[in-house]
Amino acid sequence: MVRRLLFFWALFAPAISFAQAPIYIPNIVGPTGPEGAPGATGANGTDGTPGMDGAPGADGADTTPLLVSLSPSGDASVSITNFASSDFIKYRIEYWLTLSADDQELYVHTDSDGGASYDSSAASYQFANRTVDTSAETTNLSSSATAISLVEDAAGGAIGNASGESVSGSIIIEHLGSASTQPILTFRTAYVSANGSISLTEGAGTRLANAAIDAIEFDPEGATTVTGEVRVYGIRNAN
């Protein structure tokens, strides 16, 4: 029996081995590696929503505002007051009128007291104008007058009052005047005369006094009355 056991031991012993347990070796941290290359740029984002429009700016000042509006109807004269202001360098008067009598001149007077007493005495004004109509050219000149005439003074050459006849024009107050200067007016008048001709008068006039005016008057010749429209505009010193 013992022999048999020894025989089997000798036969199989070389094939029998015992497994060896693994040996644990702790991890050792190595040095930090170099930084990696940057990644590719990402795609652009979508545009944002547009902002709201800003509020509109304030309107600029009117450079030639309307200062006075008058509508005479059968009036003996037209008095224009309350227009003078330091805001304006000049004034423009636009008018359209019909007269109650035929072959009448249209005059202008000025005042420095708000229209309380228009200057109409002798030697108050000087003026020069020239009229062209369909048949002739005339001049109307005065170095010492009671008013400034806006039309021709020859017989038949003044403003007519037949059906359809009227007068219209513009007056520029170039300078109101001052304690050291005379006021200056320039004018342009278009009308149908008593002889039926279309007429154009251009001229200038001044008050023979160093004083600032603050009122102006349309005054037709004689007892004539006027009907129509009158507007006064100011030309500003600056916008």
Protein backbone atom coordinates (compact mmCIF):
# COMPACT_ATOMS: atom_id res chain seq x y z
CA MET A 1 0.00 0.00 0.00
CA VAL A 2 2.75 2.45 0.91
CA ARG A 3 4.62 1.57 -2.25
CA ARG A 4 1.62 2.44 -4.35
CA LEU A 5 1.29 5.87 -2.72
CA LEU A 6 4.95 6.62 -3.28
CA PHE A 7 4.61 5.54 -6.89
CA PHE A 8 1.76 7.94 -7.53
CA TRP A 9 3.56 10.81 -5.76
CA ALA A 10 6.63 10.33 -7.89
CA LEU A 11 4.49 10.17 -10.99
CA PHE A 12 2.37 13.36 -10.43
CA ALA A 13 4.41 15.57 -8.08
CA PRO A 14 6.17 17.56 -10.85
CA ALA A 15 2.77 18.63 -12.22
CA ILE A 16 1.46 19.96 -8.95
CA SER A 17 2.31 23.57 -8.01
CA PHE A 18 0.82 26.12 -5.72
CA ALA A 19 -0.33 29.48 -7.18
CA GLN A 20 1.68 32.48 -5.96
CA ALA A 21 -0.34 35.53 -4.64
CA PRO A 22 0.10 38.76 -6.71
CA ILE A 23 2.39 41.42 -5.36
CA TYR A 24 0.74 44.97 -5.11
CA ILE A 25 2.96 47.86 -6.19
CA PRO A 26 1.50 51.40 -5.44
CA ASN A 27 0.96 53.80 -8.49
CA ILE A 28 3.58 56.48 -8.83
CA VAL A 29 2.30 59.94 -10.19
CA GLY A 30 4.36 61.07 -13.13
CA PRO A 31 5.10 64.72 -14.13
CA THR A 32 2.33 66.87 -15.73
CA GLY A 33 2.23 66.59 -19.48
CA PRO A 34 2.30 69.66 -21.82
CA GLU A 35 -0.95 71.54 -22.60
CA GLY A 36 -2.90 70.25 -25.51
CA ALA A 37 -3.45 72.32 -28.65
CA PRO A 38 -6.51 74.74 -28.54
CA GLY A 39 -9.70 73.35 -29.93
CA ALA A 40 -11.29 74.70 -33.11
CA THR A 41 -13.29 78.02 -32.89
CA GLY A 42 -16.97 77.45 -32.43
CA ALA A 43 -19.56 78.71 -34.93
CA ASN A 44 -20.84 82.34 -34.55
CA GLY A 45 -24.04 82.79 -32.62
CA THR A 46 -27.18 84.18 -34.27
CA ASP A 47 -27.74 87.98 -34.40
CA GLY A 48 -29.69 89.52 -31.57
CA THR A 49 -33.06 91.24 -32.07
CA PRO A 50 -32.71 94.92 -33.25
CA GLY A 51 -33.41 97.55 -30.60
CA MET A 52 -36.45 99.86 -30.78
CA ASP A 53 -36.30 103.14 -32.73
CA GLY A 54 -35.53 106.24 -30.70
CA ALA A 55 -38.13 108.96 -30.19
CA PRO A 56 -38.33 111.61 -32.96
CA GLY A 57 -36.43 114.83 -32.32
CA ALA A 58 -38.24 118.08 -31.69
CA ASP A 59 -39.29 120.15 -34.73
CA GLY A 60 -37.06 123.09 -35.60
CA ALA A 61 -38.39 126.61 -35.37
CA ASP A 62 -40.26 128.01 -38.39
CA THR A 63 -37.83 130.40 -40.10
CA THR A 64 -40.63 132.66 -41.44
CA PRO A 65 -43.60 132.34 -39.08
CA LEU A 66 -46.92 134.06 -39.69
CA LEU A 67 -47.22 136.95 -37.24
CA VAL A 68 -50.34 138.84 -38.29
CA SER A 69 -53.40 137.91 -40.37
CA LEU A 70 -56.00 140.53 -41.33
CA SER A 71 -59.09 140.44 -43.57
CA PRO A 72 -60.30 144.01 -44.14
CA SER A 73 -63.80 144.43 -45.53
CA GLY A 74 -64.78 147.93 -46.66
CA ASP A 75 -62.21 149.48 -44.32
CA ALA A 76 -60.88 153.02 -44.75
CA SER A 77 -57.36 151.75 -43.94
CA VAL A 78 -55.54 148.66 -42.68
CA SER A 79 -53.43 149.05 -39.55
CA ILE A 80 -50.78 146.41 -38.83
CA THR A 81 -49.44 146.32 -35.27
CA ASN A 82 -47.95 143.90 -32.71
CA PHE A 83 -45.43 142.34 -35.08
CA ALA A 84 -42.06 143.86 -34.11
CA SER A 85 -39.75 141.59 -32.09
CA SER A 86 -36.03 141.20 -31.48
CA ASP A 87 -36.40 137.60 -32.77
CA PHE A 88 -36.63 138.87 -36.36
CA ILE A 89 -34.24 140.67 -38.67
CA LYS A 90 -36.81 141.55 -41.37
CA TYR A 91 -40.56 141.43 -42.01
CA ARG A 92 -42.51 140.53 -45.16
CA ILE A 93 -46.03 141.79 -45.78
CA GLU A 94 -48.15 140.02 -48.41
CA TYR A 95 -51.50 141.47 -49.48
CA TRP A 96 -54.34 141.30 -51.97
CA LEU A 97 -56.90 144.11 -52.04
CA THR A 98 -59.76 145.56 -54.05
CA LEU A 99 -60.62 149.28 -53.92
CA SER A 100 -64.02 150.93 -53.79
CA ALA A 101 -63.07 153.73 -56.21
CA ASP A 102 -61.33 153.85 -59.58
CA ASP A 103 -57.85 155.17 -60.43
CA GLN A 104 -56.66 155.44 -56.83
CA GLU A 105 -53.17 155.21 -55.37
CA LEU A 106 -52.31 153.00 -52.38
CA TYR A 107 -50.12 154.56 -49.71
CA VAL A 108 -48.14 153.34 -46.70
CA HIS A 109 -47.66 155.19 -43.41
CA THR A 110 -45.54 154.13 -40.42
CA ASP A 111 -45.63 154.79 -36.69
CA SER A 112 -43.38 154.37 -33.65
CA ASP A 113 -46.20 154.32 -31.12
CA GLY A 114 -48.04 151.07 -31.90
CA GLY A 115 -50.31 152.69 -34.50
CA ALA A 116 -51.65 155.40 -32.19
CA SER A 117 -50.69 158.21 -34.59
CA TYR A 118 -49.33 157.37 -38.05
CA ASP A 119 -46.89 159.90 -39.49
CA SER A 120 -48.58 161.76 -42.35
CA SER A 121 -47.27 165.29 -42.15
CA ALA A 122 -45.27 166.98 -44.89
CA ALA A 123 -41.71 165.76 -45.33
CA SER A 124 -42.34 162.56 -43.35
CA TYR A 125 -41.12 160.22 -46.13
CA GLN A 126 -39.11 159.92 -49.32
CA PHE A 127 -39.62 157.24 -51.96
CA ALA A 128 -38.79 156.22 -55.54
CA ASN A 129 -40.71 153.76 -57.69
CA ARG A 130 -40.91 152.70 -61.32
CA THR A 131 -43.96 151.25 -63.05
CA VAL A 132 -44.07 149.21 -66.24
CA ASP A 133 -47.38 148.43 -67.94
CA THR A 134 -48.41 147.18 -71.38
CA SER A 135 -47.85 150.55 -73.05
CA ALA A 136 -45.34 152.64 -71.08
CA GLU A 137 -42.82 152.93 -68.28
CA THR A 138 -43.13 155.71 -65.70
CA THR A 139 -41.45 156.82 -62.48
CA ASN A 140 -42.92 158.27 -59.31
CA LEU A 141 -40.35 160.11 -57.18
CA SER A 142 -40.52 162.23 -54.05
CA SER A 143 -37.92 163.45 -51.58
CA SER A 144 -40.52 164.98 -49.27
CA ALA A 145 -43.88 163.25 -49.05
CA THR A 146 -46.73 162.62 -46.62
CA ALA A 147 -46.72 158.88 -47.47
CA ILE A 148 -44.94 156.22 -49.52
CA SER A 149 -46.81 155.50 -52.78
CA LEU A 150 -46.88 151.86 -53.91
CA VAL A 151 -48.16 152.52 -57.47
CA GLU A 152 -48.03 154.92 -60.40
CA ASP A 153 -49.58 158.35 -59.89
CA ALA A 154 -50.34 159.33 -63.52
CA ALA A 155 -53.99 159.73 -64.52
CA GLY A 156 -55.42 156.36 -65.54
CA GLY A 157 -52.30 154.58 -64.30
CA ALA A 158 -53.32 153.99 -60.68
CA ILE A 159 -55.37 151.05 -59.38
CA GLY A 160 -58.66 150.34 -61.12
CA ASN A 161 -61.86 149.03 -59.53
CA ALA A 162 -63.78 147.66 -62.52
CA SER A 163 -64.91 144.05 -62.38
CA GLY A 164 -61.89 141.77 -61.91
CA GLU A 165 -59.45 144.60 -61.14
CA SER A 166 -57.37 144.43 -57.93
CA VAL A 167 -53.92 145.02 -56.45
CA SER A 168 -51.52 142.60 -54.77
CA GLY A 169 -47.95 142.83 -53.65
CA SER A 170 -45.16 142.40 -51.13
CA ILE A 171 -43.48 144.85 -48.81
CA ILE A 172 -40.21 144.01 -47.10
CA ILE A 173 -39.38 145.99 -43.99
CA GLU A 174 -35.64 145.81 -44.47
CA HIS A 175 -34.90 147.60 -41.23
CA LEU A 176 -37.22 148.82 -38.48
CA GLY A 177 -34.96 151.78 -37.81
CA SER A 178 -33.36 152.91 -34.56
CA ALA A 179 -32.27 156.01 -32.69
CA SER A 180 -29.46 156.36 -35.24
CA THR A 181 -30.98 154.93 -38.48
CA GLN A 182 -34.06 155.44 -40.62
CA PRO A 183 -36.46 152.53 -41.27
CA ILE A 184 -36.28 151.20 -44.85
CA LEU A 185 -39.02 149.54 -46.92
CA THR A 186 -38.79 147.90 -50.36
CA PHE A 187 -41.90 146.90 -52.29
CA ARG A 188 -43.25 145.18 -55.38
CA THR A 189 -46.83 145.82 -56.51
CA ALA A 190 -48.86 144.17 -59.29
CA TYR A 191 -52.27 145.56 -60.28
CA VAL A 192 -54.70 146.25 -63.07
CA SER A 193 -54.82 149.97 -63.63
CA ALA A 194 -57.81 152.18 -64.34
CA ASN A 195 -56.92 152.10 -68.05
CA GLY A 196 -57.12 148.30 -67.98
CA SER A 197 -53.38 147.59 -68.26
CA ILE A 198 -51.55 145.08 -66.10
CA SER A 199 -48.91 147.05 -64.21
CA LEU A 200 -45.88 146.25 -62.12
CA THR A 201 -44.37 148.78 -59.70
CA GLU A 202 -41.09 148.30 -57.84
CA GLY A 203 -39.58 150.76 -55.42
CA ALA A 204 -38.25 151.70 -52.01
CA GLY A 205 -39.05 154.26 -49.36
CA THR A 206 -37.99 155.44 -45.94
CA ARG A 207 -39.33 157.46 -43.08
CA LEU A 208 -37.33 160.66 -42.66
CA ALA A 209 -36.65 160.14 -38.96
CA ASN A 210 -34.19 158.14 -36.89
CA ALA A 211 -36.64 156.02 -34.95
CA ALA A 212 -37.73 152.38 -34.82
CA ILE A 213 -41.19 151.76 -36.26
CA ASP A 214 -43.59 149.21 -34.76
CA ALA A 215 -46.71 149.76 -36.90
CA ILE A 216 -47.52 150.15 -40.59
CA GLU A 217 -50.71 151.24 -42.37
CA PHE A 218 -52.22 150.71 -45.83
CA ASP A 219 -54.14 153.86 -46.70
CA PRO A 220 -55.94 154.20 -50.06
CA GLU A 221 -56.22 157.58 -51.72
CA GLY A 222 -59.14 159.84 -50.77
CA ALA A 223 -62.24 158.29 -49.22
CA THR A 224 -61.66 154.94 -50.87
CA THR A 225 -62.12 151.75 -48.84
CA VAL A 226 -60.34 148.41 -49.20
CA THR A 227 -61.36 144.77 -48.97
CA GLY A 228 -59.10 141.72 -49.07
CA GLU A 229 -56.37 139.87 -47.19
CA VAL A 230 -53.14 140.96 -45.47
CA ARG A 231 -50.47 138.72 -43.92
CA VAL A 232 -47.25 139.58 -42.07
CA TYR A 233 -44.34 137.15 -41.72
CA GLY A 234 -41.16 137.47 -39.68
CA ILE A 235 -37.72 136.48 -40.95
CA ARG A 236 -35.79 135.14 -37.97
CA ASN A 237 -32.34 136.26 -36.89
CA ALA A 238 -31.36 132.56 -36.65
CA ASN A 239 -33.00 129.15 -37.05
